[in-house]
Amino acid sequence: MSTKKAKEVIEDGGLVIAPTETAYGIAADALNEDAVDKVYTVKQRPRSKGLTAIVDSLETAERYAKLSDTERKIIEEFMPGPLTLVAEKKDKVPDNLNEKFVFRISSEEVASELAEAGPITATSANISGEETSYRVEDISPELRENVDYIIDVGELQESPTSTIVEVVDGDIMIHREGPINKNEIEKIF
């Protein structure tokens, strides 16, 4: 159950089940098109639904997203934490990940450590349409058999999925409301 081993698996294009701040997720190199394809395949996820990434810092986010001052302020105020930002992506982000660069900085230690080498995918560790898993043993055997490594830290505390926010022409749009609401975000401006 080593993050060192998990990082090696991710760097080699493999898939890892690991804890995030919301549930168990599938971590893969978010910049590796083949690894991203594998995530879609093992999750049986429609390609029309993009994947979210976890990055380890604002500096890393800046390498992969074109961020406005408003977006930077949102990141500084609410990340790490249960907020996901939809931002314009730079060319180095593969098209099969998402149309934009959709990311968060994780408050979960393991996920944050895995993202130190670069952005990782942050999709829930379940077959598309199945329940979110807070324990490894609740993840479908079919999915568990199709990943390369599992970090099991026991049962995770159930928490709501992150708020998904996008800044469009200076306005804040909420795509999914989670623990952070629009008023809290607008207050910082």
N, C-alpha and C. Protein backbone atom coordinates (compact mmCIF):
# COMPACT_ATOMS: atom_id res chain seq x y z
N MET A 1 0.83 -1.20 0.00
CA MET A 1 0.00 0.00 0.00
C MET A 1 0.88 1.26 0.00
N SER A 2 1.77 1.33 -0.97
CA SER A 2 2.74 2.41 -0.97
C SER A 2 2.42 3.45 -2.05
N THR A 3 2.52 4.72 -1.68
CA THR A 3 2.29 5.76 -2.68
C THR A 3 3.45 5.78 -3.67
N LYS A 4 4.63 5.38 -3.24
CA LYS A 4 5.79 5.31 -4.15
C LYS A 4 5.50 4.33 -5.28
N LYS A 5 5.01 3.15 -4.93
CA LYS A 5 4.66 2.13 -5.93
C LYS A 5 3.52 2.64 -6.82
N ALA A 6 2.52 3.27 -6.21
CA ALA A 6 1.37 3.80 -6.98
C ALA A 6 1.84 4.85 -7.98
N LYS A 7 2.77 5.72 -7.58
CA LYS A 7 3.30 6.74 -8.50
C LYS A 7 3.99 6.09 -9.69
N GLU A 8 4.75 5.01 -9.42
CA GLU A 8 5.44 4.29 -10.50
C GLU A 8 4.42 3.71 -11.48
N VAL A 9 3.35 3.13 -10.95
CA VAL A 9 2.30 2.54 -11.79
C VAL A 9 1.68 3.63 -12.67
N ILE A 10 1.39 4.79 -12.08
CA ILE A 10 0.79 5.90 -12.82
C ILE A 10 1.75 6.40 -13.90
N GLU A 11 3.03 6.56 -13.54
CA GLU A 11 4.03 7.02 -14.52
C GLU A 11 4.17 6.04 -15.67
N ASP A 12 3.93 4.75 -15.42
CA ASP A 12 4.02 3.72 -16.47
C ASP A 12 2.72 3.59 -17.27
N GLY A 13 1.74 4.47 -17.01
CA GLY A 13 0.49 4.44 -17.75
C GLY A 13 -0.57 3.53 -17.16
N GLY A 14 -0.34 3.07 -15.91
CA GLY A 14 -1.29 2.18 -15.26
C GLY A 14 -2.37 2.91 -14.49
N LEU A 15 -3.29 2.13 -13.93
CA LEU A 15 -4.42 2.67 -13.16
C LEU A 15 -4.30 2.27 -11.70
N VAL A 16 -4.63 3.20 -10.81
CA VAL A 16 -4.55 2.98 -9.37
C VAL A 16 -5.89 3.39 -8.74
N ILE A 17 -6.40 2.55 -7.87
CA ILE A 17 -7.55 2.95 -7.05
C ILE A 17 -6.96 3.56 -5.79
N ALA A 18 -7.39 4.78 -5.47
CA ALA A 18 -6.83 5.50 -4.32
C ALA A 18 -7.90 6.39 -3.70
N PRO A 19 -7.72 6.72 -2.41
CA PRO A 19 -8.69 7.61 -1.77
C PRO A 19 -8.57 9.04 -2.27
N THR A 20 -9.71 9.73 -2.33
CA THR A 20 -9.72 11.18 -2.56
C THR A 20 -10.49 11.79 -1.39
N GLU A 21 -10.71 13.09 -1.40
CA GLU A 21 -11.43 13.72 -0.29
C GLU A 21 -12.93 13.41 -0.33
N THR A 22 -13.42 12.84 -1.44
CA THR A 22 -14.84 12.52 -1.49
C THR A 22 -15.13 11.03 -1.46
N ALA A 23 -14.34 10.22 -2.16
CA ALA A 23 -14.58 8.76 -2.24
C ALA A 23 -13.33 8.12 -2.82
N TYR A 24 -13.38 6.79 -3.05
CA TYR A 24 -12.27 6.16 -3.76
C TYR A 24 -12.37 6.55 -5.23
N GLY A 25 -11.21 6.81 -5.84
CA GLY A 25 -11.18 7.23 -7.23
C GLY A 25 -10.20 6.39 -8.02
N ILE A 26 -10.24 6.58 -9.34
CA ILE A 26 -9.28 5.94 -10.23
C ILE A 26 -8.27 7.00 -10.64
N ALA A 27 -7.02 6.78 -10.23
CA ALA A 27 -5.94 7.70 -10.55
C ALA A 27 -5.14 7.15 -11.72
N ALA A 28 -4.95 7.98 -12.74
CA ALA A 28 -4.11 7.66 -13.89
C ALA A 28 -3.45 8.96 -14.32
N ASP A 29 -2.42 8.85 -15.13
CA ASP A 29 -1.74 10.03 -15.65
C ASP A 29 -2.72 10.76 -16.57
N ALA A 30 -3.18 11.92 -16.15
CA ALA A 30 -4.20 12.67 -16.90
C ALA A 30 -3.67 13.24 -18.21
N LEU A 31 -2.35 13.19 -18.41
CA LEU A 31 -1.76 13.72 -19.64
C LEU A 31 -1.40 12.61 -20.62
N ASN A 32 -1.63 11.37 -20.23
CA ASN A 32 -1.30 10.20 -21.05
C ASN A 32 -2.60 9.72 -21.71
N GLU A 33 -2.72 9.93 -23.02
CA GLU A 33 -3.97 9.60 -23.73
C GLU A 33 -4.36 8.13 -23.56
N ASP A 34 -3.37 7.23 -23.61
CA ASP A 34 -3.66 5.80 -23.46
C ASP A 34 -4.20 5.49 -22.07
N ALA A 35 -3.59 6.11 -21.04
CA ALA A 35 -4.06 5.89 -19.66
C ALA A 35 -5.48 6.42 -19.49
N VAL A 36 -5.76 7.59 -20.07
CA VAL A 36 -7.10 8.17 -20.00
C VAL A 36 -8.10 7.24 -20.69
N ASP A 37 -7.71 6.70 -21.84
CA ASP A 37 -8.58 5.73 -22.55
C ASP A 37 -8.90 4.53 -21.66
N LYS A 38 -7.87 4.05 -20.94
CA LYS A 38 -8.08 2.89 -20.05
C LYS A 38 -9.10 3.21 -18.96
N VAL A 39 -9.06 4.44 -18.44
CA VAL A 39 -10.01 4.84 -17.40
C VAL A 39 -11.44 4.75 -17.95
N TYR A 40 -11.65 5.31 -19.14
CA TYR A 40 -12.98 5.24 -19.76
C TYR A 40 -13.42 3.79 -19.93
N THR A 41 -12.49 2.95 -20.38
CA THR A 41 -12.81 1.54 -20.65
C THR A 41 -13.18 0.80 -19.37
N VAL A 42 -12.34 0.89 -18.32
CA VAL A 42 -12.63 0.12 -17.09
C VAL A 42 -13.87 0.62 -16.37
N LYS A 43 -14.15 1.92 -16.49
CA LYS A 43 -15.36 2.48 -15.86
C LYS A 43 -16.60 2.27 -16.71
N GLN A 44 -16.38 1.90 -17.99
CA GLN A 44 -17.49 1.82 -18.96
C GLN A 44 -18.20 3.16 -19.02
N ARG A 45 -17.41 4.22 -19.04
CA ARG A 45 -17.92 5.59 -19.01
C ARG A 45 -18.10 6.12 -20.44
N PRO A 46 -19.23 6.74 -20.73
CA PRO A 46 -19.40 7.33 -22.06
C PRO A 46 -18.33 8.39 -22.31
N ARG A 47 -17.78 8.41 -23.52
CA ARG A 47 -16.71 9.37 -23.87
C ARG A 47 -17.22 10.81 -23.83
N SER A 48 -18.52 10.98 -23.90
CA SER A 48 -19.08 12.33 -23.87
C SER A 48 -18.97 12.97 -22.48
N LYS A 49 -18.73 12.14 -21.47
CA LYS A 49 -18.55 12.65 -20.10
C LYS A 49 -17.05 12.76 -19.82
N GLY A 50 -16.55 13.97 -19.75
CA GLY A 50 -15.12 14.18 -19.53
C GLY A 50 -14.69 13.73 -18.14
N LEU A 51 -13.38 13.76 -17.94
CA LEU A 51 -12.81 13.38 -16.65
C LEU A 51 -12.22 14.60 -15.95
N THR A 52 -12.29 14.56 -14.63
CA THR A 52 -11.71 15.59 -13.79
C THR A 52 -10.29 15.20 -13.43
N ALA A 53 -9.46 16.19 -13.15
CA ALA A 53 -8.07 15.94 -12.73
C ALA A 53 -7.84 16.48 -11.33
N ILE A 54 -6.86 15.91 -10.67
CA ILE A 54 -6.35 16.45 -9.40
C ILE A 54 -4.94 16.96 -9.68
N VAL A 55 -4.66 18.17 -9.25
CA VAL A 55 -3.31 18.72 -9.32
C VAL A 55 -2.85 19.01 -7.89
N ASP A 56 -1.55 19.19 -7.73
CA ASP A 56 -1.03 19.37 -6.36
C ASP A 56 -0.91 20.82 -5.92
N SER A 57 -1.04 21.77 -6.87
CA SER A 57 -0.84 23.18 -6.49
C SER A 57 -1.38 24.12 -7.57
N LEU A 58 -1.48 25.39 -7.21
CA LEU A 58 -1.86 26.42 -8.17
C LEU A 58 -0.82 26.50 -9.28
N GLU A 59 0.46 26.37 -8.91
CA GLU A 59 1.54 26.45 -9.90
C GLU A 59 1.37 25.35 -10.96
N THR A 60 1.02 24.14 -10.52
CA THR A 60 0.80 23.05 -11.46
C THR A 60 -0.42 23.36 -12.33
N ALA A 61 -1.48 23.83 -11.73
CA ALA A 61 -2.69 24.18 -12.49
C ALA A 61 -2.37 25.18 -13.60
N GLU A 62 -1.51 26.15 -13.28
CA GLU A 62 -1.13 27.19 -14.26
C GLU A 62 -0.44 26.59 -15.48
N ARG A 63 0.22 25.44 -15.31
CA ARG A 63 0.91 24.80 -16.44
C ARG A 63 -0.07 24.20 -17.45
N TYR A 64 -1.28 23.86 -16.98
CA TYR A 64 -2.22 23.13 -17.83
C TYR A 64 -3.51 23.89 -18.12
N ALA A 65 -3.73 25.01 -17.43
CA ALA A 65 -4.95 25.79 -17.63
C ALA A 65 -4.60 27.26 -17.82
N LYS A 66 -5.38 27.93 -18.66
CA LYS A 66 -5.23 29.38 -18.83
C LYS A 66 -6.15 30.01 -17.80
N LEU A 67 -5.57 30.54 -16.73
CA LEU A 67 -6.37 31.02 -15.60
C LEU A 67 -6.47 32.54 -15.58
N SER A 68 -7.68 33.01 -15.31
CA SER A 68 -7.91 34.45 -15.13
C SER A 68 -7.62 34.79 -13.67
N ASP A 69 -7.58 36.09 -13.37
CA ASP A 69 -7.39 36.52 -11.98
C ASP A 69 -8.52 36.01 -11.09
N THR A 70 -9.75 36.02 -11.63
CA THR A 70 -10.90 35.53 -10.87
C THR A 70 -10.72 34.06 -10.52
N GLU A 71 -10.30 33.27 -11.50
CA GLU A 71 -10.09 31.83 -11.26
C GLU A 71 -8.97 31.60 -10.24
N ARG A 72 -7.89 32.37 -10.34
CA ARG A 72 -6.79 32.24 -9.37
C ARG A 72 -7.30 32.54 -7.95
N LYS A 73 -8.11 33.56 -7.83
CA LYS A 73 -8.63 33.94 -6.51
C LYS A 73 -9.52 32.82 -5.94
N ILE A 74 -10.33 32.19 -6.79
CA ILE A 74 -11.18 31.07 -6.35
C ILE A 74 -10.29 29.91 -5.87
N ILE A 75 -9.24 29.61 -6.62
CA ILE A 75 -8.31 28.53 -6.25
C ILE A 75 -7.66 28.84 -4.90
N GLU A 76 -7.15 30.05 -4.77
CA GLU A 76 -6.45 30.43 -3.52
C GLU A 76 -7.38 30.36 -2.31
N GLU A 77 -8.65 30.69 -2.52
CA GLU A 77 -9.61 30.74 -1.41
C GLU A 77 -10.17 29.36 -1.04
N PHE A 78 -10.45 28.51 -2.03
CA PHE A 78 -11.21 27.28 -1.77
C PHE A 78 -10.45 25.97 -2.00
N MET A 79 -9.23 26.04 -2.49
CA MET A 79 -8.46 24.82 -2.69
C MET A 79 -7.23 24.85 -1.81
N PRO A 80 -6.76 23.70 -1.30
CA PRO A 80 -7.39 22.39 -1.46
C PRO A 80 -8.74 22.33 -0.76
N GLY A 81 -9.63 21.55 -1.37
CA GLY A 81 -10.96 21.42 -0.80
C GLY A 81 -11.95 20.93 -1.83
N PRO A 82 -13.24 20.86 -1.43
CA PRO A 82 -14.26 20.25 -2.28
C PRO A 82 -14.81 21.19 -3.36
N LEU A 83 -13.89 21.79 -4.14
CA LEU A 83 -14.30 22.64 -5.23
C LEU A 83 -13.52 22.23 -6.48
N THR A 84 -14.25 22.06 -7.59
CA THR A 84 -13.65 21.71 -8.87
C THR A 84 -13.86 22.89 -9.81
N LEU A 85 -12.79 23.28 -10.50
CA LEU A 85 -12.85 24.44 -11.40
C LEU A 85 -12.77 23.98 -12.85
N VAL A 86 -13.65 24.53 -13.68
CA VAL A 86 -13.64 24.29 -15.11
C VAL A 86 -12.91 25.48 -15.74
N ALA A 87 -11.76 25.22 -16.38
CA ALA A 87 -10.96 26.30 -16.94
C ALA A 87 -10.55 25.97 -18.37
N GLU A 88 -10.15 26.98 -19.10
CA GLU A 88 -9.67 26.75 -20.47
C GLU A 88 -8.35 25.99 -20.38
N LYS A 89 -8.21 24.94 -21.20
CA LYS A 89 -6.99 24.13 -21.12
C LYS A 89 -5.93 24.61 -22.09
N LYS A 90 -4.69 24.27 -21.75
CA LYS A 90 -3.56 24.53 -22.64
C LYS A 90 -3.39 23.32 -23.55
N ASP A 91 -2.61 23.51 -24.62
CA ASP A 91 -2.46 22.47 -25.64
C ASP A 91 -1.89 21.15 -25.14
N LYS A 92 -1.13 21.18 -24.05
CA LYS A 92 -0.50 19.93 -23.57
C LYS A 92 -1.48 18.97 -22.89
N VAL A 93 -2.74 19.40 -22.71
CA VAL A 93 -3.76 18.53 -22.10
C VAL A 93 -4.45 17.76 -23.22
N PRO A 94 -4.46 16.42 -23.15
CA PRO A 94 -5.06 15.64 -24.24
C PRO A 94 -6.56 15.89 -24.38
N ASP A 95 -7.03 15.86 -25.61
CA ASP A 95 -8.45 16.10 -25.89
C ASP A 95 -9.36 15.04 -25.30
N ASN A 96 -8.84 13.81 -25.11
CA ASN A 96 -9.72 12.76 -24.59
C ASN A 96 -9.97 12.88 -23.08
N LEU A 97 -9.24 13.77 -22.40
CA LEU A 97 -9.48 13.99 -20.96
C LEU A 97 -10.78 14.76 -20.77
N ASN A 98 -10.89 15.90 -21.45
CA ASN A 98 -12.06 16.75 -21.33
C ASN A 98 -11.92 17.88 -22.34
N GLU A 99 -13.02 18.58 -22.63
CA GLU A 99 -12.94 19.72 -23.54
C GLU A 99 -12.17 20.88 -22.90
N LYS A 100 -12.27 20.98 -21.59
CA LYS A 100 -11.57 22.02 -20.84
C LYS A 100 -10.69 21.33 -19.82
N PHE A 101 -9.96 22.09 -19.00
CA PHE A 101 -9.19 21.48 -17.93
C PHE A 101 -10.03 21.62 -16.66
N VAL A 102 -10.58 20.52 -16.20
CA VAL A 102 -11.49 20.49 -15.05
C VAL A 102 -10.71 19.85 -13.92
N PHE A 103 -10.46 20.63 -12.85
CA PHE A 103 -9.52 20.14 -11.83
C PHE A 103 -9.84 20.65 -10.44
N ARG A 104 -9.22 20.00 -9.47
CA ARG A 104 -9.22 20.50 -8.10
C ARG A 104 -7.88 20.15 -7.46
N ILE A 105 -7.58 20.82 -6.38
CA ILE A 105 -6.42 20.48 -5.55
C ILE A 105 -7.00 19.71 -4.38
N SER A 106 -6.56 18.48 -4.22
CA SER A 106 -7.17 17.60 -3.22
C SER A 106 -6.68 17.92 -1.81
N SER A 107 -7.60 17.81 -0.87
CA SER A 107 -7.23 17.95 0.54
C SER A 107 -6.89 16.58 1.13
N GLU A 108 -6.99 15.53 0.32
CA GLU A 108 -6.68 14.17 0.78
C GLU A 108 -5.19 13.93 0.53
N GLU A 109 -4.49 13.50 1.58
CA GLU A 109 -3.04 13.38 1.54
C GLU A 109 -2.54 12.44 0.43
N VAL A 110 -3.16 11.27 0.29
CA VAL A 110 -2.70 10.29 -0.71
C VAL A 110 -2.89 10.85 -2.12
N ALA A 111 -4.07 11.37 -2.40
CA ALA A 111 -4.36 11.92 -3.74
C ALA A 111 -3.40 13.06 -4.05
N SER A 112 -3.16 13.90 -3.08
CA SER A 112 -2.26 15.03 -3.25
C SER A 112 -0.84 14.55 -3.56
N GLU A 113 -0.39 13.53 -2.85
CA GLU A 113 0.94 12.96 -3.07
C GLU A 113 1.05 12.35 -4.46
N LEU A 114 0.01 11.65 -4.90
CA LEU A 114 0.03 11.02 -6.22
C LEU A 114 0.09 12.06 -7.33
N ALA A 115 -0.47 13.24 -7.07
CA ALA A 115 -0.49 14.31 -8.08
C ALA A 115 0.81 15.11 -8.13
N GLU A 116 1.77 14.80 -7.26
CA GLU A 116 3.03 15.56 -7.25
C GLU A 116 3.79 15.44 -8.57
N ALA A 117 3.67 14.30 -9.22
CA ALA A 117 4.40 14.09 -10.48
C ALA A 117 3.68 14.72 -11.67
N GLY A 118 2.43 15.13 -11.48
CA GLY A 118 1.63 15.72 -12.56
C GLY A 118 0.17 15.41 -12.33
N PRO A 119 -0.72 16.01 -13.13
CA PRO A 119 -2.16 15.81 -12.95
C PRO A 119 -2.55 14.33 -13.05
N ILE A 120 -3.45 13.92 -12.17
CA ILE A 120 -4.00 12.56 -12.22
C ILE A 120 -5.50 12.65 -12.40
N THR A 121 -6.09 11.59 -12.95
CA THR A 121 -7.55 11.56 -13.07
C THR A 121 -8.16 11.43 -11.69
N ALA A 122 -9.38 11.93 -11.55
CA ALA A 122 -10.04 11.94 -10.24
C ALA A 122 -11.47 11.45 -10.32
N THR A 123 -11.72 10.51 -11.21
CA THR A 123 -13.07 9.98 -11.36
C THR A 123 -13.33 8.90 -10.31
N SER A 124 -14.57 8.76 -9.88
CA SER A 124 -14.88 7.78 -8.83
C SER A 124 -14.60 6.35 -9.30
N ALA A 125 -14.20 5.52 -8.35
CA ALA A 125 -13.84 4.13 -8.63
C ALA A 125 -15.10 3.27 -8.65
N ASN A 126 -15.84 3.40 -9.74
CA ASN A 126 -17.04 2.59 -9.92
C ASN A 126 -17.31 2.43 -11.41
N ILE A 127 -18.09 1.41 -11.73
CA ILE A 127 -18.56 1.28 -13.11
C ILE A 127 -19.58 2.40 -13.30
N SER A 128 -19.55 3.06 -14.43
CA SER A 128 -20.43 4.20 -14.68
C SER A 128 -21.87 3.85 -14.34
N GLY A 129 -22.50 4.70 -13.50
CA GLY A 129 -23.89 4.48 -13.11
C GLY A 129 -24.04 3.73 -11.80
N GLU A 130 -22.97 3.08 -11.32
CA GLU A 130 -23.04 2.37 -10.03
C GLU A 130 -22.81 3.35 -8.89
N GLU A 131 -23.09 2.87 -7.66
CA GLU A 131 -22.91 3.69 -6.46
C GLU A 131 -21.44 4.09 -6.26
N THR A 132 -21.23 5.24 -5.67
CA THR A 132 -19.90 5.68 -5.27
C THR A 132 -19.41 4.80 -4.13
N SER A 133 -18.12 4.49 -4.13
CA SER A 133 -17.58 3.58 -3.12
C SER A 133 -16.71 4.29 -2.08
N TYR A 134 -17.01 4.01 -0.82
CA TYR A 134 -16.24 4.57 0.28
C TYR A 134 -15.37 3.51 0.95
N ARG A 135 -15.49 2.26 0.47
CA ARG A 135 -14.64 1.16 0.93
C ARG A 135 -14.20 0.38 -0.31
N VAL A 136 -12.95 -0.07 -0.32
CA VAL A 136 -12.44 -0.81 -1.48
C VAL A 136 -13.28 -2.05 -1.75
N GLU A 137 -13.70 -2.74 -0.68
CA GLU A 137 -14.47 -3.97 -0.89
C GLU A 137 -15.84 -3.72 -1.53
N ASP A 138 -16.31 -2.46 -1.55
CA ASP A 138 -17.58 -2.14 -2.20
C ASP A 138 -17.42 -1.84 -3.69
N ILE A 139 -16.18 -1.72 -4.14
CA ILE A 139 -15.92 -1.46 -5.56
C ILE A 139 -16.13 -2.78 -6.31
N SER A 140 -16.78 -2.72 -7.45
CA SER A 140 -17.10 -3.94 -8.18
C SER A 140 -15.83 -4.74 -8.48
N PRO A 141 -15.90 -6.08 -8.31
CA PRO A 141 -14.73 -6.92 -8.58
C PRO A 141 -14.23 -6.73 -10.01
N GLU A 142 -15.15 -6.51 -10.94
CA GLU A 142 -14.78 -6.31 -12.34
C GLU A 142 -13.83 -5.12 -12.48
N LEU A 143 -14.12 -4.03 -11.77
CA LEU A 143 -13.27 -2.85 -11.83
C LEU A 143 -11.94 -3.11 -11.12
N ARG A 144 -12.01 -3.70 -9.93
CA ARG A 144 -10.78 -3.97 -9.16
C ARG A 144 -9.80 -4.84 -9.95
N GLU A 145 -10.34 -5.79 -10.71
CA GLU A 145 -9.47 -6.70 -11.49
C GLU A 145 -8.82 -6.00 -12.67
N ASN A 146 -9.35 -4.84 -13.06
CA ASN A 146 -8.83 -4.14 -14.23
C ASN A 146 -7.94 -2.95 -13.92
N VAL A 147 -7.53 -2.81 -12.66
CA VAL A 147 -6.57 -1.76 -12.31
C VAL A 147 -5.26 -2.44 -11.91
N ASP A 148 -4.20 -1.65 -11.85
CA ASP A 148 -2.87 -2.21 -11.62
C ASP A 148 -2.43 -2.16 -10.15
N TYR A 149 -3.08 -1.29 -9.36
CA TYR A 149 -2.65 -1.15 -7.97
C TYR A 149 -3.79 -0.54 -7.16
N ILE A 150 -3.90 -0.91 -5.90
CA ILE A 150 -4.95 -0.38 -5.03
C ILE A 150 -4.34 0.11 -3.73
N ILE A 151 -4.68 1.33 -3.35
CA ILE A 151 -4.30 1.86 -2.03
C ILE A 151 -5.56 1.85 -1.18
N ASP A 152 -5.58 0.94 -0.21
CA ASP A 152 -6.75 0.79 0.66
C ASP A 152 -6.43 1.39 2.03
N VAL A 153 -7.10 2.47 2.35
CA VAL A 153 -6.89 3.12 3.66
C VAL A 153 -8.08 2.89 4.58
N GLY A 154 -8.89 1.89 4.23
CA GLY A 154 -10.07 1.60 5.04
C GLY A 154 -11.26 2.42 4.58
N GLU A 155 -12.27 2.46 5.42
CA GLU A 155 -13.51 3.15 5.06
C GLU A 155 -13.32 4.66 5.10
N LEU A 156 -13.75 5.33 4.04
CA LEU A 156 -13.66 6.79 3.98
C LEU A 156 -14.95 7.38 4.52
N GLN A 157 -14.84 8.54 5.11
CA GLN A 157 -16.03 9.23 5.59
C GLN A 157 -16.81 9.72 4.36
N GLU A 158 -18.10 9.39 4.32
CA GLU A 158 -18.92 9.84 3.19
C GLU A 158 -19.04 11.35 3.22
N SER A 159 -18.80 11.94 2.07
CA SER A 159 -18.95 13.39 1.98
C SER A 159 -19.51 13.74 0.62
N PRO A 160 -20.18 14.89 0.51
CA PRO A 160 -20.79 15.24 -0.76
C PRO A 160 -19.74 15.46 -1.85
N THR A 161 -20.13 15.24 -3.10
CA THR A 161 -19.23 15.49 -4.21
C THR A 161 -18.94 16.99 -4.28
N SER A 162 -17.83 17.33 -4.91
CA SER A 162 -17.37 18.72 -4.92
C SER A 162 -18.30 19.63 -5.72
N THR A 163 -18.27 20.89 -5.37
CA THR A 163 -18.94 21.92 -6.15
C THR A 163 -18.15 22.09 -7.44
N ILE A 164 -18.84 22.19 -8.57
CA ILE A 164 -18.15 22.42 -9.85
C ILE A 164 -18.50 23.83 -10.31
N VAL A 165 -17.47 24.64 -10.50
CA VAL A 165 -17.68 26.05 -10.83
C VAL A 165 -16.89 26.41 -12.09
N GLU A 166 -17.45 27.36 -12.85
CA GLU A 166 -16.78 27.87 -14.04
C GLU A 166 -16.99 29.38 -14.08
N VAL A 167 -15.96 30.08 -14.50
CA VAL A 167 -16.07 31.53 -14.67
C VAL A 167 -16.27 31.79 -16.16
N VAL A 168 -17.43 32.37 -16.52
CA VAL A 168 -17.76 32.65 -17.92
C VAL A 168 -17.98 34.16 -18.07
N ASP A 169 -17.12 34.80 -18.84
CA ASP A 169 -17.21 36.26 -19.04
C ASP A 169 -17.30 37.00 -17.70
N GLY A 170 -16.52 36.56 -16.73
CA GLY A 170 -16.48 37.21 -15.42
C GLY A 170 -17.58 36.79 -14.47
N ASP A 171 -18.57 36.03 -14.96
CA ASP A 171 -19.66 35.56 -14.10
C ASP A 171 -19.36 34.16 -13.59
N ILE A 172 -19.78 33.89 -12.36
CA ILE A 172 -19.56 32.57 -11.76
C ILE A 172 -20.76 31.68 -12.05
N MET A 173 -20.49 30.56 -12.71
CA MET A 173 -21.55 29.58 -13.02
C MET A 173 -21.30 28.33 -12.18
N ILE A 174 -22.33 27.84 -11.54
CA ILE A 174 -22.23 26.60 -10.77
C ILE A 174 -22.80 25.47 -11.62
N HIS A 175 -21.97 24.49 -11.96
CA HIS A 175 -22.44 23.33 -12.74
C HIS A 175 -23.03 22.26 -11.82
N ARG A 176 -22.47 22.17 -10.61
CA ARG A 176 -23.00 21.22 -9.62
C ARG A 176 -22.73 21.83 -8.25
N GLU A 177 -23.78 21.97 -7.46
CA GLU A 177 -23.57 22.53 -6.12
C GLU A 177 -23.21 21.42 -5.16
N GLY A 178 -22.17 21.65 -4.42
CA GLY A 178 -21.70 20.71 -3.40
C GLY A 178 -21.56 21.46 -2.10
N PRO A 179 -20.50 21.20 -1.34
CA PRO A 179 -20.33 21.82 -0.03
C PRO A 179 -20.14 23.34 -0.08
N ILE A 180 -19.68 23.87 -1.21
CA ILE A 180 -19.44 25.31 -1.33
C ILE A 180 -20.51 25.88 -2.27
N ASN A 181 -21.26 26.88 -1.79
CA ASN A 181 -22.32 27.43 -2.64
C ASN A 181 -21.88 28.72 -3.34
N LYS A 182 -22.70 29.15 -4.28
CA LYS A 182 -22.37 30.32 -5.10
C LYS A 182 -22.16 31.57 -4.26
N ASN A 183 -22.98 31.76 -3.21
CA ASN A 183 -22.84 32.94 -2.36
C ASN A 183 -21.47 33.00 -1.70
N GLU A 184 -20.98 31.84 -1.23
CA GLU A 184 -19.65 31.80 -0.60
C GLU A 184 -18.57 32.21 -1.58
N ILE A 185 -18.72 31.77 -2.83
CA ILE A 185 -17.73 32.10 -3.86
C ILE A 185 -17.82 33.60 -4.21
N GLU A 186 -19.04 34.10 -4.37
CA GLU A 186 -19.21 35.50 -4.76
C GLU A 186 -18.76 36.45 -3.65
N LYS A 187 -18.81 36.00 -2.39
CA LYS A 187 -18.39 36.84 -1.25
C LYS A 187 -16.94 37.26 -1.35
N ILE A 188 -16.09 36.42 -1.96
CA ILE A 188 -14.66 36.78 -2.01
C ILE A 188 -14.37 37.88 -3.01
N PHE A 189 -15.38 38.23 -3.81
CA PHE A 189 -15.19 39.34 -4.76
C PHE A 189 -15.87 40.58 -4.28
